[in-house]
């Protein structure tokens, strides 16, 4: 008898053109299971933060400051971190826009730092992530040319092992408004192992899953995946929302079922939704109430559709 492949294990019966969830790298793993509502976003009081050493609730969105909330959680709780921090694109300028498009570059206050403040902020949250993530656990960090070198420099100062830099190319990226440079069509994903260069070992990499997804060829670190489609934005928009397919690929590559994943800048919940589909436990932190609600609605509505679908 031929051995069942990873992709065959993930496929479930599906009525053609009848799915209510976004098609990703593979079919969701929880089809047919009983529906369980997603917990509403939870705010952490200053009293709880002062107590320290509280375990995070699994499959929960927390509203508040990521560094403060992470500070109350125990060492080595999470198996992996996948996060998309502020890029510091806004700085001290207004968002740029096109006359022929509704797209506006990021101009929100949460993405506005001085250069020095951004370095301090990045070092502080990355130190907390390293503390609450298990030794040799994976840390995947999104960035663009605006911030990825700063993050990489801080990771180097912390003596974290760099496994890969993954290039995400966006074939449908927005055009360049200034016409004074090449159209920016990529982002980078810095893959770190939570250990020193000397001692890093046995990090999770599901090589054979990735090879199978890539038609039995070794998967390269150059991923061409379109920008987030409108159907993933029906509950609201986030200016740097990542597509589900991209997040699923990272989760399939660097984590295992039942692993606990932290996204300390969870935004509209793409990491959390991909983790939920692939039966990983997840925890998200987001300071903006609007984005917390978008993430909550996305998670609960899609889980309802996936698990009730027959």
C-alpha atoms as a PDB file:
ATOM      1  CA  UNK A   1       0.000   0.000   0.000  1.00  0.00           C
ATOM      2  CA  UNK A   2       1.307   3.464  -0.909  1.00  0.00           C
ATOM      3  CA  UNK A   3       2.060   5.806   1.976  1.00  0.00           C
ATOM      4  CA  UNK A   4      -0.521   8.550   2.458  1.00  0.00           C
ATOM      5  CA  UNK A   5       1.004  11.956   1.765  1.00  0.00           C
ATOM      6  CA  UNK A   6       0.701  15.081   3.870  1.00  0.00           C
ATOM      7  CA  UNK A   7      -1.559  16.802   1.336  1.00  0.00           C
ATOM      8  CA  UNK A   8      -3.848  13.779   1.087  1.00  0.00           C
ATOM      9  CA  UNK A   9      -4.214  13.812   4.864  1.00  0.00           C
ATOM     10  CA  UNK A  10      -5.327  17.442   4.786  1.00  0.00           C
ATOM     11  CA  UNK A  11      -7.919  17.055   2.054  1.00  0.00           C
ATOM     12  CA  UNK A  12     -11.551  16.727   3.057  1.00  0.00           C
ATOM     13  CA  UNK A  13     -14.653  16.319   0.898  1.00  0.00           C
ATOM     14  CA  UNK A  14     -15.604  19.695  -0.534  1.00  0.00           C
ATOM     15  CA  UNK A  15     -18.580  20.663  -2.680  1.00  0.00           C
ATOM     16  CA  UNK A  16     -17.386  22.518  -5.748  1.00  0.00           C
ATOM     17  CA  UNK A  17     -17.861  26.318  -5.487  1.00  0.00           C
ATOM     18  CA  UNK A  18     -19.634  25.936  -2.128  1.00  0.00           C
ATOM     19  CA  UNK A  19     -16.889  26.765   0.365  1.00  0.00           C
ATOM     20  CA  UNK A  20     -17.340  29.800   2.595  1.00  0.00           C
ATOM     21  CA  UNK A  21     -13.726  29.978   3.747  1.00  0.00           C
ATOM     22  CA  UNK A  22     -10.701  31.300   1.917  1.00  0.00           C
ATOM     23  CA  UNK A  23      -8.780  28.602   0.059  1.00  0.00           C
ATOM     24  CA  UNK A  24      -5.224  28.526   1.379  1.00  0.00           C
ATOM     25  CA  UNK A  25      -2.199  26.278   1.030  1.00  0.00           C
ATOM     26  CA  UNK A  26      -4.240  23.257   2.142  1.00  0.00           C
ATOM     27  CA  UNK A  27      -7.789  22.557   3.275  1.00  0.00           C
ATOM     28  CA  UNK A  28      -8.518  23.484   6.904  1.00  0.00           C
ATOM     29  CA  UNK A  29      -7.833  20.605   9.271  1.00  0.00           C
ATOM     30  CA  UNK A  30     -10.908  21.115  11.457  1.00  0.00           C
ATOM     31  CA  UNK A  31     -13.705  20.550   8.915  1.00  0.00           C
ATOM     32  CA  UNK A  32     -16.565  18.595  10.423  1.00  0.00           C
ATOM     33  CA  UNK A  33     -15.648  19.308  14.052  1.00  0.00           C
ATOM     34  CA  UNK A  34     -18.237  20.889  16.364  1.00  0.00           C
ATOM     35  CA  UNK A  35     -18.366  24.665  16.253  1.00  0.00           C
ATOM     36  CA  UNK A  36     -16.881  26.394  19.301  1.00  0.00           C
ATOM     37  CA  UNK A  37     -17.255  30.190  19.520  1.00  0.00           C
ATOM     38  CA  UNK A  38     -14.126  32.315  19.594  1.00  0.00           C
ATOM     39  CA  UNK A  39     -13.649  34.155  22.890  1.00  0.00           C
ATOM     40  CA  UNK A  40     -14.105  37.914  22.684  1.00  0.00           C
ATOM     41  CA  UNK A  41     -10.974  40.116  22.938  1.00  0.00           C
ATOM     42  CA  UNK A  42      -9.757  40.472  26.515  1.00  0.00           C
ATOM     43  CA  UNK A  43      -8.253  43.599  28.053  1.00  0.00           C
ATOM     44  CA  UNK A  44      -5.618  43.178  30.766  1.00  0.00           C
ATOM     45  CA  UNK A  45      -5.869  45.487  33.749  1.00  0.00           C
ATOM     46  CA  UNK A  46      -2.835  47.134  35.359  1.00  0.00           C
ATOM     47  CA  UNK A  47      -3.599  45.102  38.504  1.00  0.00           C
ATOM     48  CA  UNK A  48      -3.127  41.833  36.609  1.00  0.00           C
ATOM     49  CA  UNK A  49       0.031  43.119  34.935  1.00  0.00           C
ATOM     50  CA  UNK A  50       1.460  43.916  38.380  1.00  0.00           C
ATOM     51  CA  UNK A  51       0.871  40.307  39.555  1.00  0.00           C
ATOM     52  CA  UNK A  52       3.111  38.734  36.890  1.00  0.00           C
ATOM     53  CA  UNK A  53       3.494  35.030  35.991  1.00  0.00           C
ATOM     54  CA  UNK A  54      -0.010  34.459  34.653  1.00  0.00           C
ATOM     55  CA  UNK A  55      -0.382  31.911  31.881  1.00  0.00           C
ATOM     56  CA  UNK A  56      -2.031  33.215  28.705  1.00  0.00           C
ATOM     57  CA  UNK A  57      -5.376  31.759  27.697  1.00  0.00           C
ATOM     58  CA  UNK A  58      -5.156  29.679  24.555  1.00  0.00           C
ATOM     59  CA  UNK A  59      -6.955  30.857  21.420  1.00  0.00           C
ATOM     60  CA  UNK A  60      -7.440  34.322  22.874  1.00  0.00           C
ATOM     61  CA  UNK A  61      -6.976  37.850  21.545  1.00  0.00           C
ATOM     62  CA  UNK A  62      -5.625  40.288  24.132  1.00  0.00           C
ATOM     63  CA  UNK A  63      -6.140  44.007  23.746  1.00  0.00           C
ATOM     64  CA  UNK A  64      -3.368  46.229  25.050  1.00  0.00           C
ATOM     65  CA  UNK A  65       0.339  47.011  24.927  1.00  0.00           C
ATOM     66  CA  UNK A  66       2.241  43.959  23.746  1.00  0.00           C
ATOM     67  CA  UNK A  67       5.336  44.451  25.889  1.00  0.00           C
ATOM     68  CA  UNK A  68       3.319  45.009  29.073  1.00  0.00           C
ATOM     69  CA  UNK A  69       1.086  41.997  28.456  1.00  0.00           C
ATOM     70  CA  UNK A  70       3.948  39.673  27.561  1.00  0.00           C
ATOM     71  CA  UNK A  71       5.760  40.699  30.746  1.00  0.00           C
ATOM     72  CA  UNK A  72       3.220  38.806  32.898  1.00  0.00           C
ATOM     73  CA  UNK A  73       3.600  35.516  31.043  1.00  0.00           C
ATOM     74  CA  UNK A  74       6.011  32.727  32.074  1.00  0.00           C
ATOM     75  CA  UNK A  75       9.285  31.874  30.384  1.00  0.00           C
ATOM     76  CA  UNK A  76       9.263  29.420  27.494  1.00  0.00           C
ATOM     77  CA  UNK A  77       5.486  29.121  27.156  1.00  0.00           C
ATOM     78  CA  UNK A  78       5.167  29.378  23.364  1.00  0.00           C
ATOM     79  CA  UNK A  79       6.528  27.043  20.721  1.00  0.00           C
ATOM     80  CA  UNK A  80       6.847  29.776  18.093  1.00  0.00           C
ATOM     81  CA  UNK A  81       6.283  33.426  17.321  1.00  0.00           C
ATOM     82  CA  UNK A  82       4.983  34.738  13.989  1.00  0.00           C
ATOM     83  CA  UNK A  83       4.504  38.488  13.940  1.00  0.00           C
ATOM     84  CA  UNK A  84       4.279  41.573  11.756  1.00  0.00           C
ATOM     85  CA  UNK A  85       5.532  44.517  13.841  1.00  0.00           C
ATOM     86  CA  UNK A  86       5.185  48.217  12.992  1.00  0.00           C
ATOM     87  CA  UNK A  87       7.476  49.084  10.081  1.00  0.00           C
ATOM     88  CA  UNK A  88       7.980  52.745  11.061  1.00  0.00           C
ATOM     89  CA  UNK A  89       6.915  53.794   7.581  1.00  0.00           C
ATOM     90  CA  UNK A  90       4.723  56.645   8.845  1.00  0.00           C
ATOM     91  CA  UNK A  91       7.490  58.471  10.773  1.00  0.00           C
ATOM     92  CA  UNK A  92       6.622  62.200  10.517  1.00  0.00           C
ATOM     93  CA  UNK A  93       4.735  62.282   7.241  1.00  0.00           C
ATOM     94  CA  UNK A  94       1.170  61.971   6.029  1.00  0.00           C
ATOM     95  CA  UNK A  95       0.060  58.896   4.115  1.00  0.00           C
ATOM     96  CA  UNK A  96       0.622  59.022   0.367  1.00  0.00           C
ATOM     97  CA  UNK A  97      -2.244  58.182  -1.948  1.00  0.00           C
ATOM     98  CA  UNK A  98      -3.143  57.830  -5.617  1.00  0.00           C
ATOM     99  CA  UNK A  99      -5.910  59.708  -7.404  1.00  0.00           C
ATOM    100  CA  UNK A 100      -6.946  56.461  -9.123  1.00  0.00           C
ATOM    101  CA  UNK A 101      -6.859  54.186  -6.063  1.00  0.00           C
ATOM    102  CA  UNK A 102      -8.259  54.009  -2.540  1.00  0.00           C
ATOM    103  CA  UNK A 103      -4.880  52.757  -1.253  1.00  0.00           C
ATOM    104  CA  UNK A 104      -3.091  55.022   1.232  1.00  0.00           C
ATOM    105  CA  UNK A 105       0.342  54.310   2.677  1.00  0.00           C
ATOM    106  CA  UNK A 106       0.510  53.705   6.418  1.00  0.00           C
ATOM    107  CA  UNK A 107       0.172  56.929   8.408  1.00  0.00           C
ATOM    108  CA  UNK A 108      -1.224  55.694  11.745  1.00  0.00           C
ATOM    109  CA  UNK A 109       0.255  56.761  15.069  1.00  0.00           C
ATOM    110  CA  UNK A 110       1.079  53.144  15.992  1.00  0.00           C
ATOM    111  CA  UNK A 111       3.584  53.124  13.119  1.00  0.00           C
ATOM    112  CA  UNK A 112       5.239  56.435  14.019  1.00  0.00           C
ATOM    113  CA  UNK A 113       8.582  56.434  15.912  1.00  0.00           C
ATOM    114  CA  UNK A 114      11.820  58.358  15.922  1.00  0.00           C
ATOM    115  CA  UNK A 115      14.743  56.213  14.741  1.00  0.00           C
ATOM    116  CA  UNK A 116      16.107  55.805  18.248  1.00  0.00           C
ATOM    117  CA  UNK A 117      12.707  55.110  19.793  1.00  0.00           C
ATOM    118  CA  UNK A 118      12.075  52.462  17.157  1.00  0.00           C
ATOM    119  CA  UNK A 119      15.336  50.693  18.000  1.00  0.00           C
ATOM    120  CA  UNK A 120      14.463  50.696  21.708  1.00  0.00           C
ATOM    121  CA  UNK A 121      10.913  49.518  21.023  1.00  0.00           C
ATOM    122  CA  UNK A 122      12.123  46.690  18.765  1.00  0.00           C
ATOM    123  CA  UNK A 123      14.753  45.516  21.239  1.00  0.00           C
ATOM    124  CA  UNK A 124      12.216  45.495  24.076  1.00  0.00           C
ATOM    125  CA  UNK A 125       9.522  43.476  22.341  1.00  0.00           C
ATOM    126  CA  UNK A 126      12.028  41.045  20.803  1.00  0.00           C
ATOM    127  CA  UNK A 127      13.590  40.402  24.230  1.00  0.00           C
ATOM    128  CA  UNK A 128      10.145  39.570  25.635  1.00  0.00           C
ATOM    129  CA  UNK A 129       9.382  37.279  22.699  1.00  0.00           C
ATOM    130  CA  UNK A 130      12.659  35.427  23.241  1.00  0.00           C
ATOM    131  CA  UNK A 131      11.848  35.040  26.921  1.00  0.00           C
ATOM    132  CA  UNK A 132       8.345  33.606  26.456  1.00  0.00           C
ATOM    133  CA  UNK A 133       9.279  31.404  23.479  1.00  0.00           C
ATOM    134  CA  UNK A 134      10.879  28.013  24.097  1.00  0.00           C
ATOM    135  CA  UNK A 135      14.593  27.524  23.544  1.00  0.00           C
ATOM    136  CA  UNK A 136      15.192  26.714  19.854  1.00  0.00           C
ATOM    137  CA  UNK A 137      11.638  27.822  19.056  1.00  0.00           C
ATOM    138  CA  UNK A 138      11.060  29.559  15.732  1.00  0.00           C
ATOM    139  CA  UNK A 139      10.553  33.317  15.454  1.00  0.00           C
ATOM    140  CA  UNK A 140       9.286  34.679  12.126  1.00  0.00           C
ATOM    141  CA  UNK A 141       9.280  38.479  11.752  1.00  0.00           C
ATOM    142  CA  UNK A 142       7.885  40.427   8.791  1.00  0.00           C
ATOM    143  CA  UNK A 143       9.543  43.576   7.559  1.00  0.00           C
ATOM    144  CA  UNK A 144      10.363  45.775   4.590  1.00  0.00           C
ATOM    145  CA  UNK A 145      13.476  47.731   3.723  1.00  0.00           C
ATOM    146  CA  UNK A 146      12.204  50.389   6.157  1.00  0.00           C
ATOM    147  CA  UNK A 147      12.817  48.232   9.234  1.00  0.00           C
ATOM    148  CA  UNK A 148      14.145  44.750   8.481  1.00  0.00           C
ATOM    149  CA  UNK A 149      17.788  45.816   8.749  1.00  0.00           C
ATOM    150  CA  UNK A 150      17.129  47.384  12.146  1.00  0.00           C
ATOM    151  CA  UNK A 151      15.474  44.182  13.344  1.00  0.00           C
ATOM    152  CA  UNK A 152      18.286  42.079  11.902  1.00  0.00           C
ATOM    153  CA  UNK A 153      20.918  44.228  13.584  1.00  0.00           C
ATOM    154  CA  UNK A 154      19.200  43.892  16.962  1.00  0.00           C
ATOM    155  CA  UNK A 155      18.846  40.124  16.478  1.00  0.00           C
ATOM    156  CA  UNK A 156      22.571  39.977  15.720  1.00  0.00           C
ATOM    157  CA  UNK A 157      23.381  41.944  18.888  1.00  0.00           C
ATOM    158  CA  UNK A 158      21.271  39.422  20.816  1.00  0.00           C
ATOM    159  CA  UNK A 159      23.247  36.591  19.168  1.00  0.00           C
ATOM    160  CA  UNK A 160      20.115  34.970  17.740  1.00  0.00           C
ATOM    161  CA  UNK A 161      20.616  32.374  15.020  1.00  0.00           C
ATOM    162  CA  UNK A 162      19.319  33.494  11.622  1.00  0.00           C
ATOM    163  CA  UNK A 163      17.968  30.463   9.742  1.00  0.00           C
ATOM    164  CA  UNK A 164      16.675  32.147   6.579  1.00  0.00           C
ATOM    165  CA  UNK A 165      15.506  35.377   5.103  1.00  0.00           C
ATOM    166  CA  UNK A 166      12.369  34.611   3.102  1.00  0.00           C
ATOM    167  CA  UNK A 167      11.410  36.963   0.274  1.00  0.00           C
ATOM    168  CA  UNK A 168       7.690  37.452  -0.308  1.00  0.00           C
ATOM    169  CA  UNK A 169       7.085  38.866  -3.774  1.00  0.00           C
ATOM    170  CA  UNK A 170       3.724  40.509  -4.478  1.00  0.00           C
ATOM    171  CA  UNK A 171       2.889  40.207  -8.197  1.00  0.00           C
ATOM    172  CA  UNK A 172      -0.001  42.673  -7.796  1.00  0.00           C
ATOM    173  CA  UNK A 173       1.812  45.245  -5.618  1.00  0.00           C
ATOM    174  CA  UNK A 174       0.748  48.893  -5.673  1.00  0.00           C
ATOM    175  CA  UNK A 175       2.576  51.063  -8.241  1.00  0.00           C
ATOM    176  CA  UNK A 176       5.284  53.488  -7.161  1.00  0.00           C
ATOM    177  CA  UNK A 177       3.787  56.954  -6.718  1.00  0.00           C
ATOM    178  CA  UNK A 178       7.013  58.985  -6.893  1.00  0.00           C
ATOM    179  CA  UNK A 179       8.393  57.449 -10.118  1.00  0.00           C
ATOM    180  CA  UNK A 180      11.872  57.980  -8.634  1.00  0.00           C
ATOM    181  CA  UNK A 181      12.652  54.384  -7.688  1.00  0.00           C
ATOM    182  CA  UNK A 182      11.771  50.782  -8.550  1.00  0.00           C
ATOM    183  CA  UNK A 183       8.275  49.704  -7.544  1.00  0.00           C
ATOM    184  CA  UNK A 184       8.563  48.071  -4.130  1.00  0.00           C
ATOM    185  CA  UNK A 185       7.095  44.594  -4.621  1.00  0.00           C
ATOM    186  CA  UNK A 186       8.625  42.522  -1.834  1.00  0.00           C
ATOM    187  CA  UNK A 187       8.711  42.062   1.898  1.00  0.00           C
ATOM    188  CA  UNK A 188      11.105  39.971   3.927  1.00  0.00           C
ATOM    189  CA  UNK A 189      10.414  37.427   6.622  1.00  0.00           C
ATOM    190  CA  UNK A 190      13.327  37.025   9.016  1.00  0.00           C
ATOM    191  CA  UNK A 191      13.405  33.483  10.393  1.00  0.00           C
ATOM    192  CA  UNK A 192      15.239  33.252  13.705  1.00  0.00           C
ATOM    193  CA  UNK A 193      15.930  30.369  16.064  1.00  0.00           C
ATOM    194  CA  UNK A 194      15.509  31.350  19.706  1.00  0.00           C
ATOM    195  CA  UNK A 195      19.034  30.467  20.747  1.00  0.00           C
ATOM    196  CA  UNK A 196      22.579  31.640  20.226  1.00  0.00           C
ATOM    197  CA  UNK A 197      24.473  30.944  17.022  1.00  0.00           C
ATOM    198  CA  UNK A 198      26.621  28.431  18.886  1.00  0.00           C
ATOM    199  CA  UNK A 199      23.846  26.495  20.619  1.00  0.00           C
ATOM    200  CA  UNK A 200      20.899  26.710  18.208  1.00  0.00           C
ATOM    201  CA  UNK A 201      19.706  23.236  17.198  1.00  0.00           C
ATOM    202  CA  UNK A 202      16.670  21.106  16.372  1.00  0.00           C
ATOM    203  CA  UNK A 203      14.424  23.978  15.314  1.00  0.00           C
ATOM    204  CA  UNK A 204      11.207  22.870  13.630  1.00  0.00           C
ATOM    205  CA  UNK A 205      11.267  22.744   9.845  1.00  0.00           C
ATOM    206  CA  UNK A 206       8.763  20.512   8.086  1.00  0.00           C
ATOM    207  CA  UNK A 207      10.934  20.029   5.027  1.00  0.00           C
ATOM    208  CA  UNK A 208       8.881  17.248   3.467  1.00  0.00           C
ATOM    209  CA  UNK A 209       5.611  19.191   3.829  1.00  0.00           C
ATOM    210  CA  UNK A 210       7.165  22.128   2.001  1.00  0.00           C
ATOM    211  CA  UNK A 211       8.598  19.891  -0.693  1.00  0.00           C
ATOM    212  CA  UNK A 212       5.219  18.297  -1.270  1.00  0.00           C
ATOM    213  CA  UNK A 213       3.515  21.684  -1.486  1.00  0.00           C
ATOM    214  CA  UNK A 214       6.119  22.605  -4.097  1.00  0.00           C
ATOM    215  CA  UNK A 215       5.369  19.632  -6.374  1.00  0.00           C
ATOM    216  CA  UNK A 216       8.083  17.457  -4.843  1.00  0.00           C
ATOM    217  CA  UNK A 217      10.837  20.000  -5.372  1.00  0.00           C
ATOM    218  CA  UNK A 218      12.774  21.725  -2.619  1.00  0.00           C
ATOM    219  CA  UNK A 219      10.950  24.915  -1.686  1.00  0.00           C
ATOM    220  CA  UNK A 220      13.021  28.028  -2.148  1.00  0.00           C
ATOM    221  CA  UNK A 221      12.970  31.148  -0.010  1.00  0.00           C
ATOM    222  CA  UNK A 222      11.355  33.214  -2.791  1.00  0.00           C
ATOM    223  CA  UNK A 223       7.565  33.053  -2.463  1.00  0.00           C
ATOM    224  CA  UNK A 224       5.285  34.637  -5.047  1.00  0.00           C
ATOM    225  CA  UNK A 225       1.892  35.116  -3.408  1.00  0.00           C
ATOM    226  CA  UNK A 226      -0.607  37.884  -4.306  1.00  0.00           C
ATOM    227  CA  UNK A 227      -1.644  40.598  -1.863  1.00  0.00           C
ATOM    228  CA  UNK A 228      -4.565  40.010   0.488  1.00  0.00           C
ATOM    229  CA  UNK A 229      -7.744  39.596  -1.612  1.00  0.00           C
ATOM    230  CA  UNK A 230     -10.847  41.624  -0.852  1.00  0.00           C
ATOM    231  CA  UNK A 231     -12.733  38.528   0.306  1.00  0.00           C
ATOM    232  CA  UNK A 232     -10.342  38.378   3.296  1.00  0.00           C
ATOM    233  CA  UNK A 233     -11.208  41.980   4.181  1.00  0.00           C
ATOM    234  CA  UNK A 234     -14.989  41.714   4.406  1.00  0.00           C
ATOM    235  CA  UNK A 235     -14.978  42.431   8.161  1.00  0.00           C
ATOM    236  CA  UNK A 236     -12.686  45.444   7.818  1.00  0.00           C
ATOM    237  CA  UNK A 237      -9.276  46.481   6.561  1.00  0.00           C
ATOM    238  CA  UNK A 238      -5.814  46.678   8.059  1.00  0.00           C
ATOM    239  CA  UNK A 239      -3.117  48.562   6.100  1.00  0.00           C
ATOM    240  CA  UNK A 240      -0.574  45.733   6.337  1.00  0.00           C
ATOM    241  CA  UNK A 241      -2.876  42.710   6.416  1.00  0.00           C
ATOM    242  CA  UNK A 242      -1.179  39.549   5.187  1.00  0.00           C
ATOM    243  CA  UNK A 243      -2.899  36.929   2.989  1.00  0.00           C
ATOM    244  CA  UNK A 244      -4.005  33.683   4.610  1.00  0.00           C
ATOM    245  CA  UNK A 245      -2.066  31.603   2.108  1.00  0.00           C
ATOM    246  CA  UNK A 246       1.207  33.259   3.134  1.00  0.00           C
ATOM    247  CA  UNK A 247       0.567  32.777   6.840  1.00  0.00           C
ATOM    248  CA  UNK A 248      -0.445  29.152   6.354  1.00  0.00           C
ATOM    249  CA  UNK A 249       2.788  28.390   4.548  1.00  0.00           C
ATOM    250  CA  UNK A 250       4.861  29.765   7.431  1.00  0.00           C
ATOM    251  CA  UNK A 251       2.808  27.843   9.996  1.00  0.00           C
ATOM    252  CA  UNK A 252       3.025  24.595   8.039  1.00  0.00           C
ATOM    253  CA  UNK A 253       6.786  25.042   7.644  1.00  0.00           C
ATOM    254  CA  UNK A 254       7.752  26.040  11.165  1.00  0.00           C
ATOM    255  CA  UNK A 255       5.215  24.603  13.602  1.00  0.00           C
ATOM    256  CA  UNK A 256       3.361  21.382  14.382  1.00  0.00           C
ATOM    257  CA  UNK A 257      -0.282  20.670  15.292  1.00  0.00           C
ATOM    258  CA  UNK A 258      -1.153  21.705  18.869  1.00  0.00           C
ATOM    259  CA  UNK A 259       1.862  24.030  19.076  1.00  0.00           C
ATOM    260  CA  UNK A 260       1.249  27.355  20.824  1.00  0.00           C
ATOM    261  CA  UNK A 261       1.900  30.365  18.553  1.00  0.00           C
ATOM    262  CA  UNK A 262       2.162  33.975  19.715  1.00  0.00           C
ATOM    263  CA  UNK A 263       1.578  36.982  17.465  1.00  0.00           C
ATOM    264  CA  UNK A 264       2.352  40.059  19.548  1.00  0.00           C
ATOM    265  CA  UNK A 265       1.163  42.462  16.820  1.00  0.00           C
ATOM    266  CA  UNK A 266      -1.827  40.510  15.580  1.00  0.00           C
ATOM    267  CA  UNK A 267      -3.643  43.288  13.718  1.00  0.00           C
ATOM    268  CA  UNK A 268      -6.676  41.917  11.887  1.00  0.00           C
ATOM    269  CA  UNK A 269      -5.802  38.340  12.797  1.00  0.00           C
ATOM    270  CA  UNK A 270      -4.297  36.641   9.725  1.00  0.00           C
ATOM    271  CA  UNK A 271      -1.745  34.689  11.793  1.00  0.00           C
ATOM    272  CA  UNK A 272      -4.442  33.648  14.248  1.00  0.00           C
ATOM    273  CA  UNK A 273      -6.882  32.577  11.556  1.00  0.00           C
ATOM    274  CA  UNK A 274      -4.275  30.517   9.718  1.00  0.00           C
ATOM    275  CA  UNK A 275      -3.243  28.868  12.992  1.00  0.00           C
ATOM    276  CA  UNK A 276      -6.875  28.127  13.837  1.00  0.00           C
ATOM    277  CA  UNK A 277      -7.443  26.458  10.462  1.00  0.00           C
ATOM    278  CA  UNK A 278      -4.345  24.298  10.931  1.00  0.00           C
ATOM    279  CA  UNK A 279      -5.133  23.197  14.511  1.00  0.00           C
ATOM    280  CA  UNK A 280      -2.428  25.180  16.254  1.00  0.00           C
ATOM    281  CA  UNK A 281      -3.134  26.995  19.501  1.00  0.00           C
ATOM    282  CA  UNK A 282      -2.752  30.736  19.126  1.00  0.00           C
ATOM    283  CA  UNK A 283      -2.586  33.912  21.182  1.00  0.00           C
ATOM    284  CA  UNK A 284      -2.716  37.413  19.721  1.00  0.00           C
ATOM    285  CA  UNK A 285      -2.031  40.854  21.163  1.00  0.00           C
ATOM    286  CA  UNK A 286      -3.340  44.012  19.515  1.00  0.00           C
ATOM    287  CA  UNK A 287      -3.655  47.465  21.045  1.00  0.00           C
ATOM    288  CA  UNK A 288      -6.226  48.852  18.590  1.00  0.00           C
ATOM    289  CA  UNK A 289      -9.837  48.063  19.500  1.00  0.00           C
ATOM    290  CA  UNK A 290     -11.017  48.236  15.880  1.00  0.00           C
ATOM    291  CA  UNK A 291      -8.478  45.671  14.703  1.00  0.00           C
ATOM    292  CA  UNK A 292      -9.266  43.428  17.687  1.00  0.00           C
ATOM    293  CA  UNK A 293     -12.899  43.371  16.615  1.00  0.00           C
ATOM    294  CA  UNK A 294     -12.017  42.689  12.972  1.00  0.00           C
ATOM    295  CA  UNK A 295      -9.839  39.748  14.023  1.00  0.00           C
ATOM    296  CA  UNK A 296     -12.526  38.412  16.355  1.00  0.00           C
ATOM    297  CA  UNK A 297     -15.217  38.586  13.641  1.00  0.00           C
ATOM    298  CA  UNK A 298     -12.945  36.958  11.061  1.00  0.00           C
ATOM    299  CA  UNK A 299     -12.043  34.091  13.359  1.00  0.00           C
ATOM    300  CA  UNK A 300     -15.516  33.396  14.684  1.00  0.00           C
ATOM    301  CA  UNK A 301     -17.345  33.753  11.378  1.00  0.00           C
ATOM    302  CA  UNK A 302     -14.945  31.558   9.428  1.00  0.00           C
ATOM    303  CA  UNK A 303     -14.781  28.923  12.168  1.00  0.00           C
ATOM    304  CA  UNK A 304     -18.570  28.852  12.129  1.00  0.00           C
ATOM    305  CA  UNK A 305     -18.623  28.337   8.359  1.00  0.00           C
ATOM    306  CA  UNK A 306     -15.836  25.715   8.337  1.00  0.00           C
ATOM    307  CA  UNK A 307     -17.174  23.605  11.171  1.00  0.00           C
ATOM    308  CA  UNK A 308     -20.847  23.734  10.198  1.00  0.00           C
ATOM    309  CA  UNK A 309     -20.220  23.109   6.511  1.00  0.00           C
ATOM    310  CA  UNK A 310     -21.276  19.730   5.219  1.00  0.00           C
END
